[in-house]
Amino acid sequence: AYAIPSRSVERMEMVEHVTPVPNAPGFVDGIIFSRGQVVPAVNLRRRFGFEPADYDLSTRILVISHEERLVGLI
């Protein structure tokens, strides 16, 4: 089982536009702009070896902070 401490969660947002990044690892969909900040977007389905799913209206990105870094988890 995997978990993230709730104190690490900054916000949850809808996925609107992810900008691809050249030469990024396969599980990084790209970057998003969230509240004026650039945040890498990690696709957890790909990271853990599952088949990726298309984004839809129910897709969310969880922006977490760890050691003063922000990461978006899709």
C-alpha atoms as a PDB file:
ATOM      1  CA  ALA A   1       0.000   0.000   0.000  1.00  0.00           C
ATOM      2  CA  TYR A   2       1.102   3.542  -0.713  1.00  0.00           C
ATOM      3  CA  ALA A   3       0.152   6.695   1.170  1.00  0.00           C
ATOM      4  CA  ILE A   4       0.949  10.382   1.351  1.00  0.00           C
ATOM      5  CA  PRO A   5       0.672  12.266   4.639  1.00  0.00           C
ATOM      6  CA  SER A   6      -2.256  14.679   4.450  1.00  0.00           C
ATOM      7  CA  ARG A   7      -0.017  17.536   5.603  1.00  0.00           C
ATOM      8  CA  SER A   8       1.921  17.152   2.332  1.00  0.00           C
ATOM      9  CA  VAL A   9      -1.151  17.834   0.179  1.00  0.00           C
ATOM     10  CA  GLU A  10      -1.234  21.428  -1.029  1.00  0.00           C
ATOM     11  CA  ARG A  11      -4.292  21.257  -3.291  1.00  0.00           C
ATOM     12  CA  MET A  12      -6.310  19.191  -5.732  1.00  0.00           C
ATOM     13  CA  GLU A  13      -7.135  20.522  -9.189  1.00  0.00           C
ATOM     14  CA  MET A  14      -8.715  19.478 -12.451  1.00  0.00           C
ATOM     15  CA  VAL A  15      -6.258  18.541 -15.179  1.00  0.00           C
ATOM     16  CA  GLU A  16      -6.627  21.189 -17.859  1.00  0.00           C
ATOM     17  CA  HIS A  17      -3.413  21.292 -19.863  1.00  0.00           C
ATOM     18  CA  VAL A  18      -0.202  19.339 -19.402  1.00  0.00           C
ATOM     19  CA  THR A  19       2.758  20.610 -21.412  1.00  0.00           C
ATOM     20  CA  PRO A  20       5.034  17.738 -22.519  1.00  0.00           C
ATOM     21  CA  VAL A  21       8.720  17.957 -21.601  1.00  0.00           C
ATOM     22  CA  PRO A  22      11.330  16.492 -23.975  1.00  0.00           C
ATOM     23  CA  ASN A  23      13.505  13.687 -22.580  1.00  0.00           C
ATOM     24  CA  ALA A  24      11.425  13.354 -19.401  1.00  0.00           C
ATOM     25  CA  PRO A  25      10.997   9.873 -17.903  1.00  0.00           C
ATOM     26  CA  GLY A  26       8.054   7.939 -19.374  1.00  0.00           C
ATOM     27  CA  PHE A  27       5.945   8.383 -16.255  1.00  0.00           C
ATOM     28  CA  VAL A  28       6.218  12.197 -16.327  1.00  0.00           C
ATOM     29  CA  ASP A  29       3.378  13.510 -18.498  1.00  0.00           C
ATOM     30  CA  GLY A  30       4.923  16.998 -18.485  1.00  0.00           C
ATOM     31  CA  ILE A  31       4.433  20.166 -16.500  1.00  0.00           C
ATOM     32  CA  ILE A  32       1.422  22.162 -15.397  1.00  0.00           C
ATOM     33  CA  PHE A  33       1.079  25.762 -14.321  1.00  0.00           C
ATOM     34  CA  SER A  34      -0.609  25.850 -10.938  1.00  0.00           C
ATOM     35  CA  ARG A  35      -1.177  29.148  -9.154  1.00  0.00           C
ATOM     36  CA  GLY A  36       1.754  30.765 -10.901  1.00  0.00           C
ATOM     37  CA  GLN A  37       4.131  27.870 -10.299  1.00  0.00           C
ATOM     38  CA  VAL A  38       5.554  25.279 -12.685  1.00  0.00           C
ATOM     39  CA  VAL A  39       4.808  21.799 -11.333  1.00  0.00           C
ATOM     40  CA  PRO A  40       5.944  18.473 -12.834  1.00  0.00           C
ATOM     41  CA  ALA A  41       3.018  16.127 -13.509  1.00  0.00           C
ATOM     42  CA  VAL A  42       3.677  12.475 -12.676  1.00  0.00           C
ATOM     43  CA  ASN A  43       1.252   9.904 -14.056  1.00  0.00           C
ATOM     44  CA  LEU A  44       0.926   7.308 -11.285  1.00  0.00           C
ATOM     45  CA  ARG A  45      -0.677   4.742 -13.597  1.00  0.00           C
ATOM     46  CA  ARG A  46       2.442   4.744 -15.760  1.00  0.00           C
ATOM     47  CA  ARG A  47       4.788   4.967 -12.771  1.00  0.00           C
ATOM     48  CA  PHE A  48       3.362   1.766 -11.284  1.00  0.00           C
ATOM     49  CA  GLY A  49       3.107  -0.105 -14.584  1.00  0.00           C
ATOM     50  CA  PHE A  50      -0.618   0.196 -15.307  1.00  0.00           C
ATOM     51  CA  GLU A  51      -2.139   1.029 -18.664  1.00  0.00           C
ATOM     52  CA  PRO A  52      -2.505   4.829 -18.969  1.00  0.00           C
ATOM     53  CA  ALA A  53      -6.004   6.279 -19.158  1.00  0.00           C
ATOM     54  CA  ASP A  54      -7.184   9.339 -21.062  1.00  0.00           C
ATOM     55  CA  TYR A  55      -7.891  12.479 -19.079  1.00  0.00           C
ATOM     56  CA  ASP A  56     -11.582  13.236 -18.600  1.00  0.00           C
ATOM     57  CA  LEU A  57     -13.744  15.473 -16.403  1.00  0.00           C
ATOM     58  CA  SER A  58     -13.110  13.279 -13.371  1.00  0.00           C
ATOM     59  CA  THR A  59      -9.297  13.319 -13.712  1.00  0.00           C
ATOM     60  CA  ARG A  60      -7.611  15.233 -10.903  1.00  0.00           C
ATOM     61  CA  ILE A  61      -4.077  16.234 -10.063  1.00  0.00           C
ATOM     62  CA  LEU A  62      -2.973  16.184  -6.453  1.00  0.00           C
ATOM     63  CA  VAL A  63      -0.277  18.797  -5.845  1.00  0.00           C
ATOM     64  CA  ILE A  64       1.941  17.733  -2.976  1.00  0.00           C
ATOM     65  CA  SER A  65       4.962  19.324  -1.367  1.00  0.00           C
ATOM     66  CA  HIS A  66       8.017  17.491  -0.154  1.00  0.00           C
ATOM     67  CA  GLU A  67      11.161  19.206   1.078  1.00  0.00           C
ATOM     68  CA  GLU A  68      10.068  22.530  -0.461  1.00  0.00           C
ATOM     69  CA  ARG A  69       9.374  20.946  -3.883  1.00  0.00           C
ATOM     70  CA  LEU A  70       5.978  20.641  -5.528  1.00  0.00           C
ATOM     71  CA  VAL A  71       4.936  17.602  -7.549  1.00  0.00           C
ATOM     72  CA  GLY A  72       1.605  16.936  -9.225  1.00  0.00           C
ATOM     73  CA  LEU A  73       0.299  13.379  -9.048  1.00  0.00           C
ATOM     74  CA  ILE A  74      -2.231  12.382 -11.690  1.00  0.00           C
END
